[in-house]
Amino acid sequence: PYVVNPTGIGTLPHIGKPGDVGFATHIASGRTTSFIIGDAGGGNDARLGEGSIALFEALGFPGSNPRTGAGLPRDAVQYIVFPGSRCPGAAIWPRRVADIEAQVTDLLRNTPGIS
C-alpha cells in the first residue's frame, strides 16, 4: 500500500518524502495498514489522502476507485508518517509489504507518544 503526497508539500519542514513509511487507520472501523509514500503529485489542487487501491482495500474498502472516488471512505482516515524513515541506497525500491510492515511496527513500538 502507498500514499501520494500533494505537490509542494515536501518543501515544508518535517514532512515525509517518497520512500518514508507510515501507518493509516480508518477511524470508524479501526482497520489499519502500513504504507510507504510512493510519490508526490496531483498539481496545485491536490489534497491529502490520495492512496493506492491496496491501501483502501486494507482499510476495508474493496473495489474502491481512487481515480473517481467511488467506494472510498467518506469519513476520517488518520495517517501517521515517519519522516526520515526511508531506507538508504538501493534498498528503497522495490520494498516488500512484509518489510514495510516490520519497519512500521518497530517505529510504532519505539516512538514516544504513540500507543
Protein backbone atom coordinates (compact mmCIF):
# COMPACT_ATOMS: atom_id res chain seq x y z
CA PRO A 1 0.00 0.00 0.00
CA TYR A 2 1.17 3.50 -0.77
CA VAL A 3 0.11 7.14 -0.44
CA VAL A 4 0.95 10.13 -2.61
CA ASN A 5 2.00 13.45 -1.12
CA PRO A 6 0.32 16.51 -2.65
CA THR A 7 2.52 18.61 -4.93
CA GLY A 8 4.71 21.01 -2.97
CA ILE A 9 4.13 19.55 0.50
CA GLY A 10 7.63 18.08 0.52
CA THR A 11 9.10 21.59 0.75
CA LEU A 12 7.64 22.00 4.24
CA PRO A 13 9.78 21.03 7.25
CA HIS A 14 9.27 17.66 8.98
CA ILE A 15 7.18 16.18 6.16
CA GLY A 16 7.58 12.63 4.88
CA LYS A 17 9.03 12.20 1.42
CA PRO A 18 8.84 9.37 -1.12
CA GLY A 19 10.30 6.24 0.45
CA ASP A 20 9.28 7.17 4.01
CA VAL A 21 6.76 4.88 5.71
CA GLY A 22 3.66 5.35 7.83
CA PHE A 23 0.56 3.86 9.40
CA ALA A 24 -3.07 4.54 8.39
CA THR A 25 -6.19 3.96 10.48
CA HIS A 26 -9.80 4.19 9.30
CA ILE A 27 -11.17 5.78 12.45
CA ALA A 28 -14.76 4.46 12.22
CA SER A 29 -13.81 0.80 11.75
CA GLY A 30 -10.41 0.71 13.45
CA ARG A 31 -8.89 -1.08 10.44
CA THR A 32 -5.23 -0.30 9.89
CA THR A 33 -2.41 -0.73 7.42
CA SER A 34 1.21 0.21 6.98
CA PHE A 35 2.15 2.17 3.87
CA ILE A 36 5.03 3.77 2.00
CA ILE A 37 4.99 7.23 0.44
CA GLY A 38 5.26 6.27 -3.21
CA ASP A 39 5.25 9.62 -4.97
CA ALA A 40 4.31 13.29 -4.90
CA GLY A 41 1.98 14.90 -7.38
CA GLY A 42 -1.54 15.90 -8.21
CA GLY A 43 -0.85 19.52 -9.08
CA ASN A 44 -1.78 22.63 -7.17
CA ASP A 45 -5.27 21.34 -6.34
CA ALA A 46 -4.03 18.05 -4.83
CA ARG A 47 -5.38 17.10 -1.42
CA LEU A 48 -4.04 14.91 1.34
CA GLY A 49 -5.33 11.36 1.30
CA GLU A 50 -4.55 10.04 -2.18
CA GLY A 51 -3.61 6.39 -1.89
CA SER A 52 -3.38 3.09 -3.72
CA ILE A 53 -6.18 0.61 -4.21
CA ALA A 54 -4.24 -1.74 -1.89
CA LEU A 55 -4.25 0.92 0.85
CA PHE A 56 -8.01 1.37 0.73
CA GLU A 57 -8.66 -2.37 0.44
CA ALA A 58 -6.58 -2.91 3.59
CA LEU A 59 -8.70 -0.28 5.34
CA GLY A 60 -11.88 -2.17 4.41
CA PHE A 61 -12.89 -0.59 1.11
CA PRO A 62 -12.63 -3.30 -1.57
CA GLY A 63 -13.37 -2.26 -5.12
CA SER A 64 -12.61 1.39 -4.45
CA ASN A 65 -11.62 3.59 -7.38
CA PRO A 66 -9.12 6.31 -6.43
CA ARG A 67 -9.47 7.95 -9.86
CA THR A 68 -13.19 8.62 -9.48
CA GLY A 69 -13.53 8.46 -5.69
CA ALA A 70 -16.14 5.69 -5.91
CA GLY A 71 -16.07 3.38 -2.91
CA LEU A 72 -13.57 5.47 -0.93
CA PRO A 73 -14.18 6.31 2.74
CA ARG A 74 -16.17 9.48 3.30
CA ASP A 75 -15.12 9.72 6.93
CA ALA A 76 -11.78 10.18 8.69
CA VAL A 77 -8.60 8.27 7.92
CA GLN A 78 -5.67 9.06 10.21
CA TYR A 79 -2.19 8.96 8.69
CA ILE A 80 0.94 8.76 10.86
CA VAL A 81 4.07 9.40 8.78
CA PHE A 82 7.62 8.81 9.93
CA PRO A 83 9.75 11.47 8.20
CA GLY A 84 13.28 10.29 7.52
CA SER A 85 12.34 6.60 7.68
CA ARG A 86 13.31 5.95 4.05
CA CYS A 87 15.73 3.04 3.65
CA PRO A 88 19.09 4.25 2.33
CA GLY A 89 20.57 3.36 -1.03
CA ALA A 90 19.26 0.65 -3.29
CA ALA A 91 17.05 -0.77 -0.51
CA ILE A 92 14.34 1.81 -1.21
CA TRP A 93 12.76 0.12 -4.28
CA PRO A 94 11.22 -2.26 -4.50
CA ARG A 95 10.12 -2.79 -0.92
CA ARG A 96 8.16 -5.87 0.10
CA VAL A 97 4.95 -5.32 2.07
CA ALA A 98 6.29 -7.52 4.91
CA ASP A 99 9.42 -5.35 5.10
CA ILE A 100 7.35 -2.15 5.28
CA GLU A 101 5.08 -3.66 7.95
CA ALA A 102 8.06 -4.77 10.06
CA GLN A 103 9.66 -1.32 9.85
CA VAL A 104 6.40 0.44 10.77
CA THR A 105 5.76 -1.94 13.67
CA ASP A 106 9.23 -1.17 15.00
CA LEU A 107 8.71 2.59 14.59
CA LEU A 108 5.32 2.47 16.33
CA ARG A 109 6.77 0.45 19.20
CA ASN A 110 9.76 2.77 19.67
CA THR A 111 8.28 6.23 19.05
CA PRO A 112 7.37 8.09 22.24
CA GLY A 113 3.76 9.28 22.43
CA ILE A 114 2.30 6.61 20.12
CA SER A 115 0.46 3.72 21.73
